[in-house]
Amino acid sequence: MQAQGHADLNRGIELAVSVGIFVALGLVVDRALGTTPWFAVALLAWVAVAQFVKIRASYSARMRVLETQRRDMAHAHRTVRP
């Protein structure tokens, strides 16, 4: 369980850092082009959607593993009883 906690913390840090990097990049582009805040907002939206898709895919994969383990344990429990 502790390893899962570290993975969750890593995902949270990755989310925060990636949002920060893309917003900063957007602000730099906006300042250079004089389009404030359009690139910052666009890149923020893009990174938010990308991170959501990544987290959703990771969650779905983890749930499939847990469902398979649960099904296997239930099947093993049924076959052990006489």
C-alpha atoms as a PDB file:
ATOM      1  CA  MET A   1       0.000   0.000   0.000  1.00  0.00           C
ATOM      2  CA  GLN A   2       2.887   2.355   0.729  1.00  0.00           C
ATOM      3  CA  ALA A   3       4.201   1.940  -2.826  1.00  0.00           C
ATOM      4  CA  GLN A   4       0.807   3.020  -4.155  1.00  0.00           C
ATOM      5  CA  GLY A   5       0.980   6.123  -1.969  1.00  0.00           C
ATOM      6  CA  HIS A   6       4.351   7.027  -3.467  1.00  0.00           C
ATOM      7  CA  ALA A   7       2.969   6.494  -6.979  1.00  0.00           C
ATOM      8  CA  ASP A   8       0.040   8.790  -6.175  1.00  0.00           C
ATOM      9  CA  LEU A   9       2.400  11.445  -4.816  1.00  0.00           C
ATOM     10  CA  ASN A  10       4.552  11.167  -7.935  1.00  0.00           C
ATOM     11  CA  ARG A  11       1.485  11.587 -10.157  1.00  0.00           C
ATOM     12  CA  GLY A  12       0.444  14.668  -8.203  1.00  0.00           C
ATOM     13  CA  ILE A  13       3.880  16.222  -8.502  1.00  0.00           C
ATOM     14  CA  GLU A  14       3.984  15.388 -12.205  1.00  0.00           C
ATOM     15  CA  LEU A  15       0.586  17.030 -12.698  1.00  0.00           C
ATOM     16  CA  ALA A  16       1.602  20.210 -10.882  1.00  0.00           C
ATOM     17  CA  VAL A  17       4.976  20.494 -12.604  1.00  0.00           C
ATOM     18  CA  SER A  18       3.601  19.848 -16.093  1.00  0.00           C
ATOM     19  CA  VAL A  19       0.851  22.442 -15.605  1.00  0.00           C
ATOM     20  CA  GLY A  20       3.408  24.941 -14.342  1.00  0.00           C
ATOM     21  CA  ILE A  21       5.784  24.326 -17.242  1.00  0.00           C
ATOM     22  CA  PHE A  22       3.099  24.637 -19.904  1.00  0.00           C
ATOM     23  CA  VAL A  23       1.553  27.768 -18.380  1.00  0.00           C
ATOM     24  CA  ALA A  24       5.009  29.356 -18.107  1.00  0.00           C
ATOM     25  CA  LEU A  25       5.729  28.413 -21.721  1.00  0.00           C
ATOM     26  CA  GLY A  26       2.386  29.907 -22.739  1.00  0.00           C
ATOM     27  CA  LEU A  27       3.170  33.136 -20.911  1.00  0.00           C
ATOM     28  CA  VAL A  28       6.562  33.378 -22.633  1.00  0.00           C
ATOM     29  CA  VAL A  29       4.962  32.876 -26.059  1.00  0.00           C
ATOM     30  CA  ASP A  30       2.189  35.338 -25.190  1.00  0.00           C
ATOM     31  CA  ARG A  31       4.686  37.971 -24.125  1.00  0.00           C
ATOM     32  CA  ALA A  32       6.727  37.477 -27.305  1.00  0.00           C
ATOM     33  CA  LEU A  33       3.681  37.682 -29.563  1.00  0.00           C
ATOM     34  CA  GLY A  34       1.641  40.171 -27.531  1.00  0.00           C
ATOM     35  CA  THR A  35      -1.322  37.787 -27.289  1.00  0.00           C
ATOM     36  CA  THR A  36      -1.669  37.608 -23.505  1.00  0.00           C
ATOM     37  CA  PRO A  37      -3.221  35.312 -22.165  1.00  0.00           C
ATOM     38  CA  TRP A  38      -4.307  33.165 -25.114  1.00  0.00           C
ATOM     39  CA  PHE A  39      -1.370  30.781 -25.410  1.00  0.00           C
ATOM     40  CA  ALA A  40      -1.176  30.355 -21.629  1.00  0.00           C
ATOM     41  CA  VAL A  41      -4.870  29.470 -21.474  1.00  0.00           C
ATOM     42  CA  ALA A  42      -4.659  27.181 -24.518  1.00  0.00           C
ATOM     43  CA  LEU A  43      -1.632  25.325 -23.175  1.00  0.00           C
ATOM     44  CA  LEU A  44      -3.225  25.064 -19.739  1.00  0.00           C
ATOM     45  CA  ALA A  45      -6.332  23.496 -21.285  1.00  0.00           C
ATOM     46  CA  TRP A  46      -4.223  21.166 -23.411  1.00  0.00           C
ATOM     47  CA  VAL A  47      -2.074  19.933 -20.514  1.00  0.00           C
ATOM     48  CA  ALA A  48      -5.138  19.546 -18.271  1.00  0.00           C
ATOM     49  CA  VAL A  49      -6.880  17.348 -20.840  1.00  0.00           C
ATOM     50  CA  ALA A  50      -3.703  15.353 -21.492  1.00  0.00           C
ATOM     51  CA  GLN A  51      -3.139  14.729 -17.775  1.00  0.00           C
ATOM     52  CA  PHE A  52      -6.786  13.762 -17.284  1.00  0.00           C
ATOM     53  CA  VAL A  53      -6.553  11.216 -20.102  1.00  0.00           C
ATOM     54  CA  LYS A  54      -3.311   9.848 -18.663  1.00  0.00           C
ATOM     55  CA  ILE A  55      -4.724   9.557 -15.131  1.00  0.00           C
ATOM     56  CA  ARG A  56      -7.939   7.964 -16.438  1.00  0.00           C
ATOM     57  CA  ALA A  57      -5.977   5.379 -18.436  1.00  0.00           C
ATOM     58  CA  SER A  58      -3.791   4.581 -15.417  1.00  0.00           C
ATOM     59  CA  TYR A  59      -6.846   4.272 -13.175  1.00  0.00           C
ATOM     60  CA  SER A  60      -8.655   2.019 -15.646  1.00  0.00           C
ATOM     61  CA  ALA A  61      -5.639  -0.258 -15.990  1.00  0.00           C
ATOM     62  CA  ARG A  62      -5.278  -0.510 -12.204  1.00  0.00           C
ATOM     63  CA  MET A  63      -8.984  -1.302 -11.797  1.00  0.00           C
ATOM     64  CA  ARG A  64      -8.758  -4.075 -14.421  1.00  0.00           C
ATOM     65  CA  VAL A  65      -5.883  -5.645 -12.470  1.00  0.00           C
ATOM     66  CA  LEU A  66      -7.772  -5.425  -9.174  1.00  0.00           C
ATOM     67  CA  GLU A  67     -10.971  -6.807 -10.718  1.00  0.00           C
ATOM     68  CA  THR A  68      -9.042  -9.754 -12.138  1.00  0.00           C
ATOM     69  CA  GLN A  69      -7.413 -10.416  -8.759  1.00  0.00           C
ATOM     70  CA  ARG A  70     -10.789 -10.224  -7.015  1.00  0.00           C
ATOM     71  CA  ARG A  71     -12.394 -12.565  -9.538  1.00  0.00           C
ATOM     72  CA  ASP A  72      -9.502 -15.038  -9.217  1.00  0.00           C
ATOM     73  CA  MET A  73      -9.704 -14.962  -5.412  1.00  0.00           C
ATOM     74  CA  ALA A  74     -13.463 -15.512  -5.498  1.00  0.00           C
ATOM     75  CA  HIS A  75     -13.032 -18.413  -7.899  1.00  0.00           C
ATOM     76  CA  ALA A  76     -10.275 -19.936  -5.730  1.00  0.00           C
ATOM     77  CA  HIS A  77     -12.471 -19.518  -2.655  1.00  0.00           C
ATOM     78  CA  ARG A  78     -15.388 -21.326  -4.347  1.00  0.00           C
ATOM     79  CA  THR A  79     -13.205 -24.215  -5.526  1.00  0.00           C
ATOM     80  CA  VAL A  80     -11.588 -24.781  -2.100  1.00  0.00           C
ATOM     81  CA  ARG A  81     -14.891 -25.340  -0.305  1.00  0.00           C
ATOM     82  CA  PRO A  82     -16.289 -28.879  -0.558  1.00  0.00           C
END
